[in-house]
PDB file of N, CA and C in Angstrom:
ATOM      1  N   MET A   1      38.181 -22.966 -32.357  1.00  0.00           N
ATOM      2  CA  MET A   1      39.362 -22.164 -32.291  1.00  0.00           C
ATOM      3  C   MET A   1      40.500 -23.030 -31.774  1.00  0.00           C
ATOM      4  N   ASN A   2      41.515 -23.220 -32.593  1.00  0.00           N
ATOM      5  CA  ASN A   2      42.684 -24.016 -32.228  1.00  0.00           C
ATOM      6  C   ASN A   2      43.859 -23.088 -31.976  1.00  0.00           C
ATOM      7  N   LEU A   3      44.368 -23.102 -30.764  1.00  0.00           N
ATOM      8  CA  LEU A   3      45.493 -22.253 -30.401  1.00  0.00           C
ATOM      9  C   LEU A   3      46.712 -23.111 -30.106  1.00  0.00           C
ATOM     10  N   LEU A   4      47.851 -22.683 -30.632  1.00  0.00           N
ATOM     11  CA  LEU A   4      49.109 -23.359 -30.340  1.00  0.00           C
ATOM     12  C   LEU A   4      50.032 -22.369 -29.646  1.00  0.00           C
ATOM     13  N   ILE A   5      50.430 -22.700 -28.433  1.00  0.00           N
ATOM     14  CA  ILE A   5      51.338 -21.870 -27.661  1.00  0.00           C
ATOM     15  C   ILE A   5      52.771 -22.208 -28.064  1.00  0.00           C
ATOM     16  N   ASP A   6      53.526 -21.196 -28.455  1.00  0.00           N
ATOM     17  CA  ASP A   6      54.903 -21.387 -28.894  1.00  0.00           C
ATOM     18  C   ASP A   6      55.788 -21.844 -27.731  1.00  0.00           C
ATOM     19  N   ALA A   7      56.905 -22.448 -28.088  1.00  0.00           N
ATOM     20  CA  ALA A   7      57.839 -22.981 -27.091  1.00  0.00           C
ATOM     21  C   ALA A   7      58.437 -21.906 -26.191  1.00  0.00           C
ATOM     22  N   ASN A   8      58.402 -20.645 -26.619  1.00  0.00           N
ATOM     23  CA  ASN A   8      58.972 -19.585 -25.791  1.00  0.00           C
ATOM     24  C   ASN A   8      58.041 -19.145 -24.658  1.00  0.00           C
ATOM     25  N   ILE A   9      56.911 -19.809 -24.509  1.00  0.00           N
ATOM     26  CA  ILE A   9      55.966 -19.590 -23.417  1.00  0.00           C
ATOM     27  C   ILE A   9      55.845 -20.914 -22.664  1.00  0.00           C
ATOM     28  N   SER A  10      55.816 -20.851 -21.360  1.00  0.00           N
ATOM     29  CA  SER A  10      55.780 -22.069 -20.544  1.00  0.00           C
ATOM     30  C   SER A  10      54.583 -22.961 -20.894  1.00  0.00           C
ATOM     31  N   TRP A  11      54.836 -24.247 -20.933  1.00  0.00           N
ATOM     32  CA  TRP A  11      53.778 -25.228 -21.183  1.00  0.00           C
ATOM     33  C   TRP A  11      52.751 -25.234 -20.053  1.00  0.00           C
ATOM     34  N   ARG A  12      53.118 -24.711 -18.912  1.00  0.00           N
ATOM     35  CA  ARG A  12      52.207 -24.695 -17.762  1.00  0.00           C
ATOM     36  C   ARG A  12      50.970 -23.831 -18.007  1.00  0.00           C
ATOM     37  N   ILE A  13      51.045 -22.931 -18.985  1.00  0.00           N
ATOM     38  CA  ILE A  13      49.919 -22.058 -19.298  1.00  0.00           C
ATOM     39  C   ILE A  13      48.720 -22.840 -19.849  1.00  0.00           C
ATOM     40  N   ILE A  14      48.993 -24.002 -20.413  1.00  0.00           N
ATOM     41  CA  ILE A  14      47.939 -24.808 -21.042  1.00  0.00           C
ATOM     42  C   ILE A  14      46.829 -25.144 -20.057  1.00  0.00           C
ATOM     43  N   LYS A  15      47.207 -25.571 -18.871  1.00  0.00           N
ATOM     44  CA  LYS A  15      46.208 -25.971 -17.865  1.00  0.00           C
ATOM     45  C   LYS A  15      45.252 -24.821 -17.554  1.00  0.00           C
ATOM     46  N   ILE A  16      45.767 -23.616 -17.475  1.00  0.00           N
ATOM     47  CA  ILE A  16      44.933 -22.457 -17.173  1.00  0.00           C
ATOM     48  C   ILE A  16      44.031 -22.114 -18.360  1.00  0.00           C
ATOM     49  N   LEU A  17      44.609 -22.117 -19.559  1.00  0.00           N
ATOM     50  CA  LEU A  17      43.856 -21.705 -20.746  1.00  0.00           C
ATOM     51  C   LEU A  17      42.779 -22.699 -21.152  1.00  0.00           C
ATOM     52  N   LYS A  18      42.987 -23.994 -20.865  1.00  0.00           N
ATOM     53  CA  LYS A  18      42.015 -25.015 -21.288  1.00  0.00           C
ATOM     54  C   LYS A  18      40.638 -24.806 -20.683  1.00  0.00           C
ATOM     55  N   GLU A  19      40.563 -24.085 -19.583  1.00  0.00           N
ATOM     56  CA  GLU A  19      39.270 -23.795 -18.972  1.00  0.00           C
ATOM     57  C   GLU A  19      38.486 -22.757 -19.775  1.00  0.00           C
ATOM     58  N   HIS A  20      39.186 -22.027 -20.661  1.00  0.00           N
ATOM     59  CA  HIS A  20      38.566 -20.918 -21.382  1.00  0.00           C
ATOM     60  C   HIS A  20      38.583 -21.087 -22.901  1.00  0.00           C
ATOM     61  N   PHE A  21      39.466 -21.933 -23.390  1.00  0.00           N
ATOM     62  CA  PHE A  21      39.597 -22.166 -24.828  1.00  0.00           C
ATOM     63  C   PHE A  21      39.490 -23.661 -25.081  1.00  0.00           C
ATOM     64  N   ALA A  22      38.651 -24.034 -26.020  1.00  0.00           N
ATOM     65  CA  ALA A  22      38.341 -25.442 -26.257  1.00  0.00           C
ATOM     66  C   ALA A  22      39.549 -26.265 -26.685  1.00  0.00           C
ATOM     67  N   ASN A  23      40.367 -25.716 -27.556  1.00  0.00           N
ATOM     68  CA  ASN A  23      41.479 -26.504 -28.083  1.00  0.00           C
ATOM     69  C   ASN A  23      42.751 -25.673 -28.040  1.00  0.00           C
ATOM     70  N   VAL A  24      43.562 -25.914 -27.040  1.00  0.00           N
ATOM     71  CA  VAL A  24      44.836 -25.218 -26.902  1.00  0.00           C
ATOM     72  C   VAL A  24      45.921 -26.254 -26.635  1.00  0.00           C
ATOM     73  N   SER A  25      47.028 -26.121 -27.367  1.00  0.00           N
ATOM     74  CA  SER A  25      48.146 -27.053 -27.246  1.00  0.00           C
ATOM     75  C   SER A  25      49.439 -26.264 -27.138  1.00  0.00           C
ATOM     76  N   HIS A  26      50.502 -26.967 -26.809  1.00  0.00           N
ATOM     77  CA  HIS A  26      51.822 -26.346 -26.704  1.00  0.00           C
ATOM     78  C   HIS A  26      52.722 -26.916 -27.791  1.00  0.00           C
ATOM     79  N   ALA A  27      53.667 -26.112 -28.243  1.00  0.00           N
ATOM     80  CA  ALA A  27      54.576 -26.530 -29.318  1.00  0.00           C
ATOM     81  C   ALA A  27      55.360 -27.791 -28.973  1.00  0.00           C
ATOM     82  N   ASN A  28      55.593 -28.033 -27.700  1.00  0.00           N
ATOM     83  CA  ASN A  28      56.342 -29.248 -27.343  1.00  0.00           C
ATOM     84  C   ASN A  28      55.487 -30.509 -27.427  1.00  0.00           C
ATOM     85  N   GLU A  29      54.186 -30.352 -27.723  1.00  0.00           N
ATOM     86  CA  GLU A  29      53.282 -31.504 -27.841  1.00  0.00           C
ATOM     87  C   GLU A  29      53.016 -31.918 -29.288  1.00  0.00           C
ATOM     88  N   ILE A  30      53.418 -31.084 -30.234  1.00  0.00           N
ATOM     89  CA  ILE A  30      53.048 -31.381 -31.624  1.00  0.00           C
ATOM     90  C   ILE A  30      53.974 -32.424 -32.230  1.00  0.00           C
ATOM     91  N   ASN A  31      53.495 -33.045 -33.273  1.00  0.00           N
ATOM     92  CA  ASN A  31      54.194 -34.155 -33.898  1.00  0.00           C
ATOM     93  C   ASN A  31      55.215 -33.650 -34.929  1.00  0.00           C
ATOM     94  N   VAL A  32      56.264 -32.993 -34.404  1.00  0.00           N
ATOM     95  CA  VAL A  32      57.415 -32.586 -35.205  1.00  0.00           C
ATOM     96  C   VAL A  32      58.658 -32.859 -34.374  1.00  0.00           C
ATOM     97  N   LEU A  33      59.802 -32.904 -35.023  1.00  0.00           N
ATOM     98  CA  LEU A  33      61.056 -33.121 -34.316  1.00  0.00           C
ATOM     99  C   LEU A  33      61.259 -32.010 -33.296  1.00  0.00           C
ATOM    100  N   GLN A  34      61.505 -32.384 -32.060  1.00  0.00           N
ATOM    101  CA  GLN A  34      61.673 -31.420 -30.971  1.00  0.00           C
ATOM    102  C   GLN A  34      63.149 -31.234 -30.664  1.00  0.00           C
ATOM    103  N   PRO A  35      63.614 -30.056 -30.336  1.00  0.00           N
ATOM    104  CA  PRO A  35      62.821 -28.837 -30.261  1.00  0.00           C
ATOM    105  C   PRO A  35      62.423 -28.374 -31.657  1.00  0.00           C
ATOM    106  N   ALA A  36      61.193 -27.950 -31.769  1.00  0.00           N
ATOM    107  CA  ALA A  36      60.644 -27.573 -33.076  1.00  0.00           C
ATOM    108  C   ALA A  36      61.201 -26.230 -33.532  1.00  0.00           C
ATOM    109  N   LYS A  37      61.525 -26.149 -34.804  1.00  0.00           N
ATOM    110  CA  LYS A  37      61.953 -24.889 -35.402  1.00  0.00           C
ATOM    111  C   LYS A  37      60.714 -24.085 -35.767  1.00  0.00           C
ATOM    112  N   ASP A  38      60.895 -22.779 -35.867  1.00  0.00           N
ATOM    113  CA  ASP A  38      59.763 -21.900 -36.173  1.00  0.00           C
ATOM    114  C   ASP A  38      59.031 -22.337 -37.443  1.00  0.00           C
ATOM    115  N   ILE A  39      59.759 -22.669 -38.473  1.00  0.00           N
ATOM    116  CA  ILE A  39      59.112 -23.037 -39.746  1.00  0.00           C
ATOM    117  C   ILE A  39      58.331 -24.342 -39.603  1.00  0.00           C
ATOM    118  N   GLU A  40      58.801 -25.256 -38.758  1.00  0.00           N
ATOM    119  CA  GLU A  40      58.066 -26.505 -38.516  1.00  0.00           C
ATOM    120  C   GLU A  40      56.771 -26.227 -37.764  1.00  0.00           C
ATOM    121  N   ILE A  41      56.836 -25.330 -36.792  1.00  0.00           N
ATOM    122  CA  ILE A  41      55.627 -24.932 -36.064  1.00  0.00           C
ATOM    123  C   ILE A  41      54.666 -24.241 -37.029  1.00  0.00           C
ATOM    124  N   TRP A  42      55.185 -23.356 -37.853  1.00  0.00           N
ATOM    125  CA  TRP A  42      54.379 -22.643 -38.855  1.00  0.00           C
ATOM    126  C   TRP A  42      53.642 -23.641 -39.755  1.00  0.00           C
ATOM    127  N   ASN A  43      54.383 -24.585 -40.299  1.00  0.00           N
ATOM    128  CA  ASN A  43      53.778 -25.562 -41.217  1.00  0.00           C
ATOM    129  C   ASN A  43      52.760 -26.445 -40.510  1.00  0.00           C
ATOM    130  N   PHE A  44      53.063 -26.855 -39.279  1.00  0.00           N
ATOM    131  CA  PHE A  44      52.104 -27.643 -38.519  1.00  0.00           C
ATOM    132  C   PHE A  44      50.808 -26.858 -38.333  1.00  0.00           C
ATOM    133  N   CYS A  45      50.927 -25.606 -37.924  1.00  0.00           N
ATOM    134  CA  CYS A  45      49.736 -24.780 -37.692  1.00  0.00           C
ATOM    135  C   CYS A  45      48.949 -24.560 -38.978  1.00  0.00           C
ATOM    136  N   LYS A  46      49.648 -24.359 -40.058  1.00  0.00           N
ATOM    137  CA  LYS A  46      48.981 -24.177 -41.356  1.00  0.00           C
ATOM    138  C   LYS A  46      48.217 -25.443 -41.744  1.00  0.00           C
ATOM    139  N   ASN A  47      48.832 -26.584 -41.563  1.00  0.00           N
ATOM    140  CA  ASN A  47      48.225 -27.854 -41.967  1.00  0.00           C
ATOM    141  C   ASN A  47      47.131 -28.346 -41.023  1.00  0.00           C
ATOM    142  N   HIS A  48      47.127 -27.849 -39.787  1.00  0.00           N
ATOM    143  CA  HIS A  48      46.171 -28.336 -38.789  1.00  0.00           C
ATOM    144  C   HIS A  48      45.245 -27.243 -38.257  1.00  0.00           C
ATOM    145  N   ASN A  49      45.214 -26.108 -38.952  1.00  0.00           N
ATOM    146  CA  ASN A  49      44.280 -25.023 -38.630  1.00  0.00           C
ATOM    147  C   ASN A  49      44.445 -24.493 -37.200  1.00  0.00           C
ATOM    148  N   PHE A  50      45.698 -24.179 -36.829  1.00  0.00           N
ATOM    149  CA  PHE A  50      45.995 -23.595 -35.533  1.00  0.00           C
ATOM    150  C   PHE A  50      46.408 -22.139 -35.698  1.00  0.00           C
ATOM    151  N   ILE A  51      46.163 -21.353 -34.676  1.00  0.00           N
ATOM    152  CA  ILE A  51      46.657 -19.990 -34.561  1.00  0.00           C
ATOM    153  C   ILE A  51      47.815 -20.033 -33.583  1.00  0.00           C
ATOM    154  N   ILE A  52      48.907 -19.367 -33.916  1.00  0.00           N
ATOM    155  CA  ILE A  52      50.103 -19.376 -33.085  1.00  0.00           C
ATOM    156  C   ILE A  52      50.040 -18.225 -32.085  1.00  0.00           C
ATOM    157  N   ILE A  53      50.315 -18.535 -30.821  1.00  0.00           N
ATOM    158  CA  ILE A  53      50.492 -17.503 -29.802  1.00  0.00           C
ATOM    159  C   ILE A  53      51.954 -17.547 -29.380  1.00  0.00           C
ATOM    160  N   THR A  54      52.642 -16.401 -29.482  1.00  0.00           N
ATOM    161  CA  THR A  54      54.078 -16.375 -29.296  1.00  0.00           C
ATOM    162  C   THR A  54      54.563 -15.045 -28.738  1.00  0.00           C
ATOM    163  N   HIS A  55      55.814 -15.033 -28.321  1.00  0.00           N
ATOM    164  CA  HIS A  55      56.550 -13.800 -28.025  1.00  0.00           C
ATOM    165  C   HIS A  55      57.514 -13.501 -29.169  1.00  0.00           C
ATOM    166  N   ASP A  56      57.643 -14.404 -30.106  1.00  0.00           N
ATOM    167  CA  ASP A  56      58.688 -14.423 -31.118  1.00  0.00           C
ATOM    168  C   ASP A  56      58.305 -13.585 -32.338  1.00  0.00           C
ATOM    169  N   ASP A  57      59.071 -12.527 -32.604  1.00  0.00           N
ATOM    170  CA  ASP A  57      58.822 -11.687 -33.781  1.00  0.00           C
ATOM    171  C   ASP A  57      59.100 -12.416 -35.092  1.00  0.00           C
ATOM    172  N   ASP A  58      59.812 -13.544 -35.026  1.00  0.00           N
ATOM    173  CA  ASP A  58      60.073 -14.306 -36.256  1.00  0.00           C
ATOM    174  C   ASP A  58      58.772 -14.778 -36.903  1.00  0.00           C
ATOM    175  N   PHE A  59      57.763 -15.057 -36.095  1.00  0.00           N
ATOM    176  CA  PHE A  59      56.483 -15.477 -36.661  1.00  0.00           C
ATOM    177  C   PHE A  59      55.786 -14.317 -37.379  1.00  0.00           C
ATOM    178  N   GLU A  60      56.033 -13.108 -36.915  1.00  0.00           N
ATOM    179  CA  GLU A  60      55.505 -11.933 -37.612  1.00  0.00           C
ATOM    180  C   GLU A  60      56.130 -11.845 -39.004  1.00  0.00           C
ATOM    181  N   LYS A  61      57.423 -12.077 -39.078  1.00  0.00           N
ATOM    182  CA  LYS A  61      58.125 -12.062 -40.372  1.00  0.00           C
ATOM    183  C   LYS A  61      57.575 -13.150 -41.293  1.00  0.00           C
ATOM    184  N   LEU A  62      57.347 -14.327 -40.749  1.00  0.00           N
ATOM    185  CA  LEU A  62      56.770 -15.412 -41.559  1.00  0.00           C
ATOM    186  C   LEU A  62      55.387 -15.028 -42.074  1.00  0.00           C
ATOM    187  N   ALA A  63      54.575 -14.435 -41.216  1.00  0.00           N
ATOM    188  CA  ALA A  63      53.225 -14.031 -41.623  1.00  0.00           C
ATOM    189  C   ALA A  63      53.278 -12.979 -42.725  1.00  0.00           C
ATOM    190  N   LEU A  64      54.228 -12.069 -42.615  1.00  0.00           N
ATOM    191  CA  LEU A  64      54.332 -11.006 -43.617  1.00  0.00           C
ATOM    192  C   LEU A  64      54.883 -11.511 -44.948  1.00  0.00           C
ATOM    193  N   THR A  65      55.744 -12.524 -44.907  1.00  0.00           N
ATOM    194  CA  THR A  65      56.318 -13.045 -46.149  1.00  0.00           C
ATOM    195  C   THR A  65      55.504 -14.173 -46.767  1.00  0.00           C
ATOM    196  N   LYS A  66      54.897 -15.009 -45.933  1.00  0.00           N
ATOM    197  CA  LYS A  66      54.173 -16.182 -46.436  1.00  0.00           C
ATOM    198  C   LYS A  66      52.663 -15.991 -46.466  1.00  0.00           C
ATOM    199  N   GLY A  67      52.170 -14.943 -45.818  1.00  0.00           N
ATOM    200  CA  GLY A  67      50.725 -14.765 -45.741  1.00  0.00           C
ATOM    201  C   GLY A  67      50.134 -15.697 -44.694  1.00  0.00           C
ATOM    202  N   PHE A  68      48.836 -15.844 -44.756  1.00  0.00           N
ATOM    203  CA  PHE A  68      48.175 -16.720 -43.789  1.00  0.00           C
ATOM    204  C   PHE A  68      47.148 -17.561 -44.486  1.00  0.00           C
ATOM    205  N   PRO A  69      46.769 -18.686 -43.931  1.00  0.00           N
ATOM    206  CA  PRO A  69      47.048 -19.166 -42.590  1.00  0.00           C
ATOM    207  C   PRO A  69      48.497 -19.628 -42.437  1.00  0.00           C
ATOM    208  N   PRO A  70      48.927 -19.802 -41.213  1.00  0.00           N
ATOM    209  CA  PRO A  70      48.206 -19.560 -39.970  1.00  0.00           C
ATOM    210  C   PRO A  70      48.267 -18.092 -39.561  1.00  0.00           C
ATOM    211  N   LYS A  71      47.361 -17.739 -38.694  1.00  0.00           N
ATOM    212  CA  LYS A  71      47.381 -16.420 -38.103  1.00  0.00           C
ATOM    213  C   LYS A  71      48.305 -16.459 -36.891  1.00  0.00           C
ATOM    214  N   VAL A  72      48.778 -15.263 -36.501  1.00  0.00           N
ATOM    215  CA  VAL A  72      49.750 -15.169 -35.418  1.00  0.00           C
ATOM    216  C   VAL A  72      49.289 -14.138 -34.402  1.00  0.00           C
ATOM    217  N   ILE A  73      49.318 -14.518 -33.138  1.00  0.00           N
ATOM    218  CA  ILE A  73      49.072 -13.597 -32.032  1.00  0.00           C
ATOM    219  C   ILE A  73      50.402 -13.413 -31.323  1.00  0.00           C
ATOM    220  N   ILE A  74      50.881 -12.174 -31.316  1.00  0.00           N
ATOM    221  CA  ILE A  74      52.167 -11.876 -30.697  1.00  0.00           C
ATOM    222  C   ILE A  74      51.928 -11.162 -29.376  1.00  0.00           C
ATOM    223  N   LEU A  75      52.437 -11.752 -28.322  1.00  0.00           N
ATOM    224  CA  LEU A  75      52.334 -11.146 -26.999  1.00  0.00           C
ATOM    225  C   LEU A  75      53.513 -10.201 -26.817  1.00  0.00           C
ATOM    226  N   LYS A  76      53.211  -8.941 -26.723  1.00  0.00           N
ATOM    227  CA  LYS A  76      54.248  -7.915 -26.544  1.00  0.00           C
ATOM    228  C   LYS A  76      54.358  -7.578 -25.061  1.00  0.00           C
ATOM    229  N   THR A  77      54.408  -8.610 -24.254  1.00  0.00           N
ATOM    230  CA  THR A  77      54.360  -8.460 -22.806  1.00  0.00           C
ATOM    231  C   THR A  77      55.409  -9.351 -22.166  1.00  0.00           C
ATOM    232  N   PHE A  78      56.617  -8.899 -22.139  1.00  0.00           N
ATOM    233  CA  PHE A  78      57.683  -9.705 -21.548  1.00  0.00           C
ATOM    234  C   PHE A  78      57.728  -9.512 -20.037  1.00  0.00           C
ATOM    235  N   ASN A  79      58.423 -10.409 -19.376  1.00  0.00           N
ATOM    236  CA  ASN A  79      58.611 -10.364 -17.920  1.00  0.00           C
ATOM    237  C   ASN A  79      57.304 -10.475 -17.147  1.00  0.00           C
ATOM    238  N   LYS A  80      56.403 -11.285 -17.647  1.00  0.00           N
ATOM    239  CA  LYS A  80      55.166 -11.581 -16.923  1.00  0.00           C
ATOM    240  C   LYS A  80      55.187 -13.057 -16.553  1.00  0.00           C
ATOM    241  N   SER A  81      54.561 -13.362 -15.458  1.00  0.00           N
ATOM    242  CA  SER A  81      54.477 -14.758 -15.029  1.00  0.00           C
ATOM    243  C   SER A  81      53.515 -15.520 -15.937  1.00  0.00           C
ATOM    244  N   THR A  82      53.556 -16.811 -15.838  1.00  0.00           N
ATOM    245  CA  THR A  82      52.650 -17.653 -16.617  1.00  0.00           C
ATOM    246  C   THR A  82      51.203 -17.324 -16.299  1.00  0.00           C
ATOM    247  N   VAL A  83      50.891 -17.127 -15.053  1.00  0.00           N
ATOM    248  CA  VAL A  83      49.519 -16.795 -14.653  1.00  0.00           C
ATOM    249  C   VAL A  83      49.113 -15.441 -15.230  1.00  0.00           C
ATOM    250  N   GLU A  84      50.010 -14.469 -15.181  1.00  0.00           N
ATOM    251  CA  GLU A  84      49.702 -13.148 -15.739  1.00  0.00           C
ATOM    252  C   GLU A  84      49.462 -13.237 -17.253  1.00  0.00           C
ATOM    253  N   LEU A  85      50.285 -14.002 -17.957  1.00  0.00           N
ATOM    254  CA  LEU A  85      50.081 -14.187 -19.400  1.00  0.00           C
ATOM    255  C   LEU A  85      48.753 -14.874 -19.683  1.00  0.00           C
ATOM    256  N   ALA A  86      48.451 -15.902 -18.918  1.00  0.00           N
ATOM    257  CA  ALA A  86      47.185 -16.610 -19.108  1.00  0.00           C
ATOM    258  C   ALA A  86      46.010 -15.673 -18.889  1.00  0.00           C
ATOM    259  N   ASN A  87      46.072 -14.872 -17.839  1.00  0.00           N
ATOM    260  CA  ASN A  87      44.983 -13.933 -17.568  1.00  0.00           C
ATOM    261  C   ASN A  87      44.849 -12.895 -18.675  1.00  0.00           C
ATOM    262  N   LEU A  88      45.959 -12.446 -19.215  1.00  0.00           N
ATOM    263  CA  LEU A  88      45.918 -11.502 -20.330  1.00  0.00           C
ATOM    264  C   LEU A  88      45.216 -12.120 -21.536  1.00  0.00           C
ATOM    265  N   ILE A  89      45.581 -13.341 -21.867  1.00  0.00           N
ATOM    266  CA  ILE A  89      44.963 -14.029 -23.007  1.00  0.00           C
ATOM    267  C   ILE A  89      43.477 -14.248 -22.752  1.00  0.00           C
ATOM    268  N   ILE A  90      43.134 -14.667 -21.566  1.00  0.00           N
ATOM    269  CA  ILE A  90      41.724 -14.895 -21.216  1.00  0.00           C
ATOM    270  C   ILE A  90      40.943 -13.584 -21.299  1.00  0.00           C
ATOM    271  N   ASN A  91      41.513 -12.504 -20.787  1.00  0.00           N
ATOM    272  CA  ASN A  91      40.839 -11.209 -20.832  1.00  0.00           C
ATOM    273  C   ASN A  91      40.683 -10.671 -22.246  1.00  0.00           C
ATOM    274  N   LYS A  92      41.494 -11.145 -23.162  1.00  0.00           N
ATOM    275  CA  LYS A  92      41.426 -10.711 -24.569  1.00  0.00           C
ATOM    276  C   LYS A  92      40.673 -11.730 -25.443  1.00  0.00           C
ATOM    277  N   LYS A  93      39.944 -12.629 -24.831  1.00  0.00           N
ATOM    278  CA  LYS A  93      39.274 -13.690 -25.582  1.00  0.00           C
ATOM    279  C   LYS A  93      38.364 -13.144 -26.676  1.00  0.00           C
ATOM    280  N   GLU A  94      37.579 -12.128 -26.395  1.00  0.00           N
ATOM    281  CA  GLU A  94      36.689 -11.566 -27.418  1.00  0.00           C
ATOM    282  C   GLU A  94      37.482 -10.950 -28.563  1.00  0.00           C
ATOM    283  N   VAL A  95      38.576 -10.277 -28.246  1.00  0.00           N
ATOM    284  CA  VAL A  95      39.441  -9.687 -29.271  1.00  0.00           C
ATOM    285  C   VAL A  95      40.045 -10.804 -30.127  1.00  0.00           C
ATOM    286  N   ILE A  96      40.486 -11.868 -29.477  1.00  0.00           N
ATOM    287  CA  ILE A  96      41.069 -13.012 -30.193  1.00  0.00           C
ATOM    288  C   ILE A  96      40.030 -13.662 -31.098  1.00  0.00           C
ATOM    289  N   GLU A  97      38.829 -13.865 -30.604  1.00  0.00           N
ATOM    290  CA  GLU A  97      37.775 -14.463 -31.427  1.00  0.00           C
ATOM    291  C   GLU A  97      37.452 -13.586 -32.635  1.00  0.00           C
ATOM    292  N   SER A  98      37.380 -12.287 -32.434  1.00  0.00           N
ATOM    293  CA  SER A  98      37.126 -11.363 -33.532  1.00  0.00           C
ATOM    294  C   SER A  98      38.254 -11.437 -34.563  1.00  0.00           C
ATOM    295  N   PHE A  99      39.484 -11.492 -34.097  1.00  0.00           N
ATOM    296  CA  PHE A  99      40.650 -11.608 -34.966  1.00  0.00           C
ATOM    297  C   PHE A  99      40.602 -12.888 -35.797  1.00  0.00           C
ATOM    298  N   ILE A 100      40.220 -13.972 -35.181  1.00  0.00           N
ATOM    299  CA  ILE A 100      40.181 -15.262 -35.870  1.00  0.00           C
ATOM    300  C   ILE A 100      39.218 -15.221 -37.052  1.00  0.00           C
ATOM    301  N   PHE A 101      38.094 -14.558 -36.874  1.00  0.00           N
ATOM    302  CA  PHE A 101      37.089 -14.534 -37.926  1.00  0.00           C
ATOM    303  C   PHE A 101      37.273 -13.389 -38.922  1.00  0.00           C
ATOM    304  N   ASN A 102      38.246 -12.535 -38.688  1.00  0.00           N
ATOM    305  CA  ASN A 102      38.542 -11.447 -39.612  1.00  0.00           C
ATOM    306  C   ASN A 102      39.378 -12.001 -40.759  1.00  0.00           C
ATOM    307  N   GLU A 103      38.876 -11.921 -41.952  1.00  0.00           N
ATOM    308  CA  GLU A 103      39.547 -12.520 -43.104  1.00  0.00           C
ATOM    309  C   GLU A 103      40.673 -11.660 -43.655  1.00  0.00           C
ATOM    310  N   GLU A 104      40.871 -10.467 -43.112  1.00  0.00           N
ATOM    311  CA  GLU A 104      41.902  -9.574 -43.623  1.00  0.00           C
ATOM    312  C   GLU A 104      43.125  -9.485 -42.725  1.00  0.00           C
ATOM    313  N   GLN A 105      42.979  -9.800 -41.456  1.00  0.00           N
ATOM    314  CA  GLN A 105      44.092  -9.690 -40.514  1.00  0.00           C
ATOM    315  C   GLN A 105      44.841 -11.004 -40.380  1.00  0.00           C
ATOM    316  N   SER A 106      46.180 -10.908 -40.348  1.00  0.00           N
ATOM    317  CA  SER A 106      46.984 -12.098 -40.129  1.00  0.00           C
ATOM    318  C   SER A 106      47.753 -12.050 -38.822  1.00  0.00           C
ATOM    319  N   ILE A 107      47.904 -10.839 -38.265  1.00  0.00           N
ATOM    320  CA  ILE A 107      48.707 -10.665 -37.056  1.00  0.00           C
ATOM    321  C   ILE A 107      47.911  -9.849 -36.042  1.00  0.00           C
ATOM    322  N   LEU A 108      47.912 -10.312 -34.803  1.00  0.00           N
ATOM    323  CA  LEU A 108      47.307  -9.577 -33.703  1.00  0.00           C
ATOM    324  C   LEU A 108      48.380  -9.390 -32.638  1.00  0.00           C
ATOM    325  N   GLU A 109      48.599  -8.144 -32.251  1.00  0.00           N
ATOM    326  CA  GLU A 109      49.523  -7.860 -31.156  1.00  0.00           C
ATOM    327  C   GLU A 109      48.723  -7.585 -29.899  1.00  0.00           C
ATOM    328  N   ILE A 110      49.132  -8.219 -28.821  1.00  0.00           N
ATOM    329  CA  ILE A 110      48.480  -8.014 -27.529  1.00  0.00           C
ATOM    330  C   ILE A 110      49.508  -7.436 -26.574  1.00  0.00           C
ATOM    331  N   TYR A 111      49.132  -6.333 -25.941  1.00  0.00           N
ATOM    332  CA  TYR A 111      50.005  -5.632 -25.001  1.00  0.00           C
ATOM    333  C   TYR A 111      49.524  -5.785 -23.589  1.00  0.00           C
TER     334      TYR A 111
END
């Protein structure tokens, strides 16, 4: 499972998530011109088999217009600390794993 955390979420979350997810990276680490545009992140994830985790509804629009891969996990939880977001993602690990292997779903919303 390859997860890419979008730039709109703190890079500090990576350290917490790496204990629970084998391969998690941040958008500021990928090999594209920084700051990365949404479409560049989308294409990187598509080409490198990553799932995007974001707060950005623009990725939902991309998923609906372009299809998948990549799949998109949208966090509908604003005003939470990095630790709170990390704990939410960790607590939803089984849901995320199920979503990844579901061949019909392209978008997962987490509240």
